[in-house]
Amino acid sequence: MTGSSARMLALLSLLQTQRDWPGQVLADRLSVTVRTVRRDVDRLRELGYQIEAIKGPDGGYRLAAGSELPPLLFDDAQAVAIAVALQSVPSTGVEMAEAAERALATVRQVMPSRLRHRIDGIRFIDAEERGRVDPAVLEAVSSAVRNRQTLRFDYGKEGAPPRRTQPHALVARNSRWYLIAWDLDKDDWRIFRLDRLSPRVPPGPEFVPRPLPAKDARTYLAARSKGSDAEDRWPCVGQIDIELPAREVAPWISDGELEELDARSCRVTIGSWSWTGILATAARFDAPFSIVGPEALVSAAAELADRLRQAAPSRA
């Protein structure tokens, strides 16, 4: 919070403690000049707070009737951010959409009318995903990660022995929450989905963190999803020229790279678990394409062509 914002927050707090405040008294309490108080009052009025001037030899200010609001200072951009963030809770993967809806209603009530109108103008339905995480589970696991405490939890089949882990990081990815932990029984790193996890209490003793195999937790999770341990890269990467405009291909290549060749064609660099996977990605565009490389991708295309010919029914 900037100095001026903090000062206006303090000014609002003072105005709510009693009906009338002489200007000089406010200036003394805030360690500023009367002129600065006047400017801050004008800024608060611009934000929609109803502050009345008191006539008299000393002058002063008071909050208008019905304006005794909690001192929340938000500009237009912040109001929009709050509305979008709270309505986007379903896509976070945490089971707290109802709480977010109530929070939005509460925040709305303590904002000036101008900002309430901004919030009311932003309404959308966020897509809900399966595998919602219980907020209590998220809190318990997050606490264990923060405090470096050994965590035991039930995971997988019912009746299976609890997992004993040293939790190192929580990562949200594609509406899923993942715990990256050192499995004490497997003596190796493991990744667990929070929506399948039931912590046991109390947590265990503290532990000394280990260095992750990758540079950070997010990179490690991305690397493991692509079959690597340390680098966020696919085991197979190839280049293909597709006879489609770049704008039609761009939305569908995920983490691939795109280069426009001309108005009707483009070159894509894409990765997959296998060379055949790259070919499948290219084929789904249902457009002519040619392979740029590497040679392993060319060989995989020849093998796939043979399999497709053998799979096709013979015609008399």
Protein backbone atom coordinates (compact mmCIF):
# COMPACT_ATOMS: atom_id res chain seq x y z
CA MET A 1 0.00 0.00 0.00
CA THR A 2 1.41 3.43 -0.98
CA GLY A 3 1.82 6.24 1.52
CA SER A 4 -1.16 8.23 0.20
CA SER A 5 -3.39 5.14 0.18
CA ALA A 6 -2.37 4.24 3.75
CA ARG A 7 -3.04 7.82 4.84
CA MET A 8 -6.52 7.83 3.26
CA LEU A 9 -7.24 4.51 4.94
CA ALA A 10 -6.29 6.07 8.29
CA LEU A 11 -8.42 9.11 7.48
CA LEU A 12 -11.46 6.94 6.86
CA SER A 13 -10.86 5.11 10.11
CA LEU A 14 -10.79 8.40 12.02
CA LEU A 15 -13.94 9.69 10.35
CA GLN A 16 -15.78 6.58 11.49
CA THR A 17 -14.85 6.98 15.16
CA GLN A 18 -16.91 10.15 15.76
CA ARG A 19 -19.31 12.39 13.90
CA ASP A 20 -17.29 15.58 13.40
CA TRP A 21 -13.58 16.15 12.94
CA PRO A 22 -12.01 19.62 12.75
CA GLY A 23 -9.60 19.85 9.85
CA GLN A 24 -6.63 20.83 12.00
CA VAL A 25 -7.21 17.94 14.40
CA LEU A 26 -7.25 15.49 11.50
CA ALA A 27 -4.06 17.05 10.16
CA ASP A 28 -2.37 16.68 13.55
CA ARG A 29 -3.48 13.05 13.92
CA LEU A 30 -2.17 12.18 10.45
CA SER A 31 1.00 14.32 10.74
CA VAL A 32 0.18 16.27 7.58
CA THR A 33 -1.05 19.74 6.67
CA VAL A 34 -4.70 20.83 6.52
CA ARG A 35 -4.25 21.22 2.78
CA THR A 36 -3.19 17.57 2.49
CA VAL A 37 -6.26 16.49 4.46
CA ARG A 38 -8.43 18.51 2.05
CA ARG A 39 -6.83 16.77 -0.95
CA ASP A 40 -7.30 13.33 0.63
CA VAL A 41 -10.95 14.08 1.35
CA ASP A 42 -11.42 15.06 -2.31
CA ARG A 43 -9.86 11.77 -3.41
CA LEU A 44 -12.16 9.79 -1.14
CA ARG A 45 -15.14 11.65 -2.56
CA GLU A 46 -13.98 10.73 -6.07
CA LEU A 47 -14.02 7.08 -4.95
CA GLY A 48 -17.65 7.49 -3.90
CA TYR A 49 -17.37 8.01 -0.13
CA GLN A 50 -19.85 10.66 1.08
CA ILE A 51 -17.86 13.07 3.25
CA GLU A 52 -19.54 16.32 4.25
CA ALA A 53 -17.77 19.59 5.06
CA ILE A 54 -18.51 21.20 8.44
CA LYS A 55 -18.96 24.95 8.41
CA GLY A 56 -17.50 27.07 11.16
CA PRO A 57 -14.37 28.92 12.23
CA ASP A 58 -12.26 25.74 12.30
CA GLY A 59 -14.03 23.84 9.54
CA GLY A 60 -13.98 20.10 9.44
CA TYR A 61 -15.45 16.90 8.01
CA ARG A 62 -17.90 14.13 8.77
CA LEU A 63 -19.10 10.96 7.08
CA ALA A 64 -22.63 11.35 5.72
CA ALA A 65 -25.39 9.27 7.31
CA GLY A 66 -25.22 5.68 6.18
CA SER A 67 -21.55 5.94 5.23
CA GLU A 68 -20.04 4.19 8.25
CA LEU A 69 -18.39 1.57 6.10
CA PRO A 70 -15.32 -0.57 6.73
CA PRO A 71 -12.37 1.36 5.32
CA LEU A 72 -11.83 -0.50 2.06
CA LEU A 73 -10.03 1.43 -0.66
CA PHE A 74 -10.33 -0.01 -4.16
CA ASP A 75 -9.85 1.61 -7.53
CA ASP A 76 -11.73 0.50 -10.65
CA ALA A 77 -9.13 -2.04 -11.70
CA GLN A 78 -9.06 -3.60 -8.24
CA ALA A 79 -12.86 -3.85 -8.15
CA VAL A 80 -12.82 -5.67 -11.49
CA ALA A 81 -10.03 -7.97 -10.26
CA ILE A 82 -12.04 -8.89 -7.15
CA ALA A 83 -15.15 -9.67 -9.20
CA VAL A 84 -13.22 -11.82 -11.67
CA ALA A 85 -11.14 -13.61 -9.03
CA LEU A 86 -14.04 -14.56 -6.78
CA GLN A 87 -16.19 -15.73 -9.67
CA SER A 88 -13.28 -17.81 -10.98
CA VAL A 89 -13.04 -19.91 -7.82
CA PRO A 90 -14.68 -23.01 -9.38
CA SER A 91 -11.78 -23.37 -11.84
CA THR A 92 -9.23 -23.34 -9.00
CA GLY A 93 -10.20 -26.89 -8.11
CA VAL A 94 -11.05 -26.01 -4.49
CA GLU A 95 -14.54 -26.76 -3.18
CA MET A 96 -15.46 -23.26 -2.01
CA ALA A 97 -17.62 -21.72 -4.73
CA GLU A 98 -20.41 -20.93 -2.25
CA ALA A 99 -17.99 -19.20 0.13
CA ALA A 100 -16.58 -17.15 -2.76
CA GLU A 101 -20.08 -16.10 -3.77
CA ARG A 102 -20.82 -14.95 -0.22
CA ALA A 103 -17.47 -13.15 -0.06
CA LEU A 104 -18.27 -11.26 -3.26
CA ALA A 105 -21.64 -10.20 -1.84
CA THR A 106 -19.96 -9.04 1.39
CA VAL A 107 -17.24 -7.05 -0.36
CA ARG A 108 -19.84 -5.49 -2.65
CA GLN A 109 -21.74 -4.10 0.33
CA VAL A 110 -18.74 -2.20 1.69
CA MET A 111 -17.81 -0.51 -1.58
CA PRO A 112 -18.98 2.88 -2.81
CA SER A 113 -21.94 2.72 -5.20
CA ARG A 114 -19.80 3.53 -8.26
CA LEU A 115 -17.61 0.48 -7.66
CA ARG A 116 -20.61 -1.69 -6.82
CA HIS A 117 -21.93 -0.93 -10.29
CA ARG A 118 -18.61 -2.06 -11.79
CA ILE A 119 -18.80 -5.36 -9.91
CA ASP A 120 -22.46 -5.88 -10.81
CA GLY A 121 -21.56 -5.45 -14.48
CA ILE A 122 -19.16 -8.41 -14.39
CA ARG A 123 -21.10 -11.65 -14.22
CA PHE A 124 -20.08 -14.96 -15.75
CA ILE A 125 -20.28 -18.67 -15.00
CA ASP A 126 -16.96 -20.40 -14.46
CA ALA A 127 -16.68 -24.01 -15.60
CA GLU A 128 -16.53 -26.48 -12.72
CA GLU A 129 -14.09 -29.34 -12.97
CA ARG A 130 -14.21 -32.79 -11.41
CA GLY A 131 -12.00 -33.72 -8.51
CA ARG A 132 -12.73 -30.83 -6.18
CA VAL A 133 -10.35 -30.35 -3.24
CA ASP A 134 -11.77 -29.97 0.25
CA PRO A 135 -10.54 -26.61 1.67
CA ALA A 136 -9.66 -28.38 4.93
CA VAL A 137 -7.34 -30.74 3.01
CA LEU A 138 -5.72 -27.82 1.19
CA GLU A 139 -5.17 -26.01 4.48
CA ALA A 140 -3.72 -29.05 6.25
CA VAL A 141 -1.31 -29.93 3.44
CA SER A 142 -0.31 -26.31 2.90
CA SER A 143 0.46 -25.98 6.61
CA ALA A 144 2.64 -29.11 6.53
CA VAL A 145 4.53 -27.74 3.52
CA ARG A 146 5.04 -24.35 5.15
CA ASN A 147 6.11 -25.76 8.51
CA ARG A 148 8.25 -28.55 7.01
CA GLN A 149 6.39 -31.25 8.93
CA THR A 150 6.16 -34.90 7.97
CA LEU A 151 2.71 -35.68 6.57
CA ARG A 152 0.84 -38.99 6.70
CA PHE A 153 -2.24 -39.48 4.56
CA ASP A 154 -4.51 -42.10 3.04
CA TYR A 155 -4.22 -42.33 -0.72
CA GLY A 156 -5.55 -44.69 -3.35
CA LYS A 157 -7.34 -47.91 -2.49
CA GLU A 158 -9.31 -48.20 0.73
CA GLY A 159 -7.41 -50.17 3.35
CA ALA A 160 -4.00 -49.39 1.87
CA PRO A 161 -1.33 -48.37 4.41
CA PRO A 162 -0.97 -44.59 4.85
CA ARG A 163 1.74 -42.82 2.90
CA ARG A 164 4.55 -41.22 4.91
CA THR A 165 5.98 -38.17 3.18
CA GLN A 166 8.03 -35.04 3.54
CA PRO A 167 5.89 -32.44 1.73
CA HIS A 168 7.90 -29.88 -0.22
CA ALA A 169 5.51 -27.96 -2.49
CA LEU A 170 1.91 -27.48 -3.61
CA VAL A 171 1.28 -26.69 -7.27
CA ALA A 172 -2.01 -25.85 -9.02
CA ARG A 173 -2.11 -26.91 -12.67
CA ASN A 174 -5.07 -27.17 -15.04
CA SER A 175 -7.63 -26.97 -12.21
CA ARG A 176 -5.85 -29.71 -10.27
CA TRP A 177 -3.81 -29.44 -7.09
CA TYR A 178 -0.66 -31.52 -6.70
CA LEU A 179 1.60 -32.25 -3.73
CA ILE A 180 5.27 -32.79 -4.49
CA ALA A 181 6.76 -34.82 -1.66
CA TRP A 182 9.58 -37.15 -0.73
CA ASP A 183 8.03 -40.56 -0.08
CA LEU A 184 9.75 -42.00 2.97
CA ASP A 185 8.70 -45.57 2.17
CA LYS A 186 9.61 -45.44 -1.54
CA ASP A 187 12.76 -43.38 -0.85
CA ASP A 188 12.00 -41.26 -3.90
CA TRP A 189 10.07 -38.23 -5.11
CA ARG A 190 6.34 -38.66 -5.71
CA ILE A 191 3.48 -36.46 -6.95
CA PHE A 192 0.05 -36.80 -5.31
CA ARG A 193 -3.31 -35.31 -6.31
CA LEU A 194 -4.94 -33.46 -3.43
CA ASP A 195 -8.49 -34.49 -4.37
CA ARG A 196 -7.48 -38.13 -3.70
CA LEU A 197 -5.69 -37.42 -0.44
CA SER A 198 -6.95 -37.61 3.17
CA PRO A 199 -4.45 -36.24 5.73
CA ARG A 200 -3.98 -37.93 9.06
CA VAL A 201 -3.54 -35.81 12.16
CA PRO A 202 -1.50 -34.70 13.90
CA PRO A 203 1.38 -34.04 11.49
CA GLY A 204 4.72 -35.64 12.21
CA PRO A 205 8.11 -34.21 13.14
CA GLU A 206 9.90 -31.47 11.24
CA PHE A 207 12.33 -32.36 8.46
CA VAL A 208 15.16 -30.75 6.55
CA PRO A 209 14.07 -29.92 2.96
CA ARG A 210 15.77 -31.69 0.07
CA PRO A 211 16.70 -30.02 -3.22
CA LEU A 212 14.12 -30.75 -5.93
CA PRO A 213 15.28 -32.62 -9.05
CA ALA A 214 14.29 -29.60 -11.16
CA LYS A 215 14.93 -25.89 -10.70
CA ASP A 216 11.55 -25.39 -9.03
CA ALA A 217 8.32 -27.23 -8.18
CA ARG A 218 6.36 -25.99 -11.20
CA THR A 219 9.08 -27.11 -13.60
CA TYR A 220 9.31 -30.50 -11.89
CA LEU A 221 5.56 -31.11 -12.21
CA ALA A 222 5.58 -30.10 -15.88
CA ALA A 223 8.63 -32.26 -16.54
CA ARG A 224 7.08 -35.34 -14.94
CA SER A 225 3.93 -34.90 -17.02
CA LYS A 226 6.15 -35.12 -20.11
CA GLY A 227 8.21 -38.09 -18.99
CA SER A 228 11.22 -36.13 -17.77
CA ASP A 229 12.60 -35.59 -14.26
CA ALA A 230 14.38 -32.27 -14.48
CA GLU A 231 13.53 -30.40 -17.68
CA ASP A 232 10.14 -29.22 -18.94
CA ARG A 233 10.48 -30.88 -22.34
CA TRP A 234 8.97 -33.71 -24.35
CA PRO A 235 11.08 -36.80 -25.14
CA CYS A 236 10.17 -36.39 -28.83
CA VAL A 237 10.07 -33.03 -30.62
CA GLY A 238 9.50 -32.56 -34.35
CA GLN A 239 8.77 -29.94 -36.99
CA ILE A 240 5.93 -30.14 -39.49
CA ASP A 241 4.70 -27.76 -42.19
CA ILE A 242 0.89 -27.61 -42.35
CA GLU A 243 -1.11 -26.11 -45.22
CA LEU A 244 -3.33 -23.99 -43.01
CA PRO A 245 -3.16 -20.32 -41.97
CA ALA A 246 -1.25 -19.81 -38.72
CA ARG A 247 -4.31 -18.24 -37.05
CA GLU A 248 -6.25 -21.52 -37.51
CA VAL A 249 -3.46 -23.66 -36.06
CA ALA A 250 -2.34 -21.47 -33.14
CA PRO A 251 -5.20 -22.29 -30.71
CA TRP A 252 -4.52 -26.03 -30.93
CA ILE A 253 -0.79 -26.56 -30.49
CA SER A 254 -0.68 -26.15 -26.70
CA ASP A 255 2.96 -25.60 -25.68
CA GLY A 256 4.25 -25.95 -29.25
CA GLU A 257 5.87 -23.22 -31.33
CA LEU A 258 4.38 -21.67 -34.45
CA GLU A 259 6.00 -19.92 -37.42
CA GLU A 260 3.99 -18.40 -40.26
CA LEU A 261 5.40 -19.39 -43.66
CA ASP A 262 2.89 -17.50 -45.78
CA ALA A 263 -0.79 -16.59 -45.71
CA ARG A 264 -1.84 -20.22 -46.26
CA SER A 265 0.75 -22.31 -44.41
CA CYS A 266 2.77 -22.46 -41.19
CA ARG A 267 5.48 -24.49 -39.48
CA VAL A 268 4.84 -26.00 -36.06
CA THR A 269 7.33 -27.42 -33.58
CA ILE A 270 5.48 -29.82 -31.31
CA GLY A 271 6.36 -32.46 -28.75
CA SER A 272 4.84 -35.71 -27.53
CA TRP A 273 5.58 -38.92 -25.68
CA SER A 274 6.33 -40.60 -29.02
CA TRP A 275 7.00 -39.78 -32.67
CA THR A 276 3.65 -41.30 -33.58
CA GLY A 277 2.02 -38.89 -31.13
CA ILE A 278 3.45 -35.96 -33.08
CA LEU A 279 2.03 -37.40 -36.29
CA ALA A 280 -1.35 -37.85 -34.64
CA THR A 281 -1.33 -34.20 -33.62
CA ALA A 282 -0.56 -33.14 -37.18
CA ALA A 283 -3.18 -35.45 -38.66
CA ARG A 284 -5.99 -34.07 -36.53
CA PHE A 285 -5.83 -30.77 -38.43
CA ASP A 286 -7.18 -32.71 -41.43
CA ALA A 287 -4.98 -30.77 -43.85
CA PRO A 288 -1.99 -31.63 -46.03
CA PHE A 289 1.33 -31.52 -44.17
CA SER A 290 4.99 -32.34 -44.75
CA ILE A 291 7.65 -33.42 -42.27
CA VAL A 292 10.64 -31.13 -41.76
CA GLY A 293 12.46 -33.36 -39.25
CA PRO A 294 14.12 -34.97 -37.46
CA GLU A 295 14.87 -38.21 -39.25
CA ALA A 296 13.27 -40.24 -36.47
CA LEU A 297 9.95 -38.56 -37.24
CA VAL A 298 10.32 -39.39 -40.94
CA SER A 299 10.93 -43.06 -40.07
CA ALA A 300 7.95 -43.10 -37.72
CA ALA A 301 5.75 -41.73 -40.52
CA ALA A 302 6.81 -44.56 -42.85
CA GLU A 303 6.07 -47.16 -40.17
CA LEU A 304 2.69 -45.59 -39.42
CA ALA A 305 1.81 -45.55 -43.10
CA ASP A 306 2.49 -49.29 -43.29
CA ARG A 307 0.31 -49.96 -40.23
CA LEU A 308 -2.52 -47.86 -41.65
CA ARG A 309 -2.39 -49.76 -44.97
CA GLN A 310 -2.50 -53.06 -43.13
CA ALA A 311 -5.38 -51.88 -40.96
CA ALA A 312 -7.49 -50.77 -43.90
CA PRO A 313 -9.94 -53.46 -45.13
CA SER A 314 -9.06 -54.92 -48.52
CA ARG A 315 -11.29 -54.04 -51.43
CA ALA A 316 -12.21 -56.58 -54.06
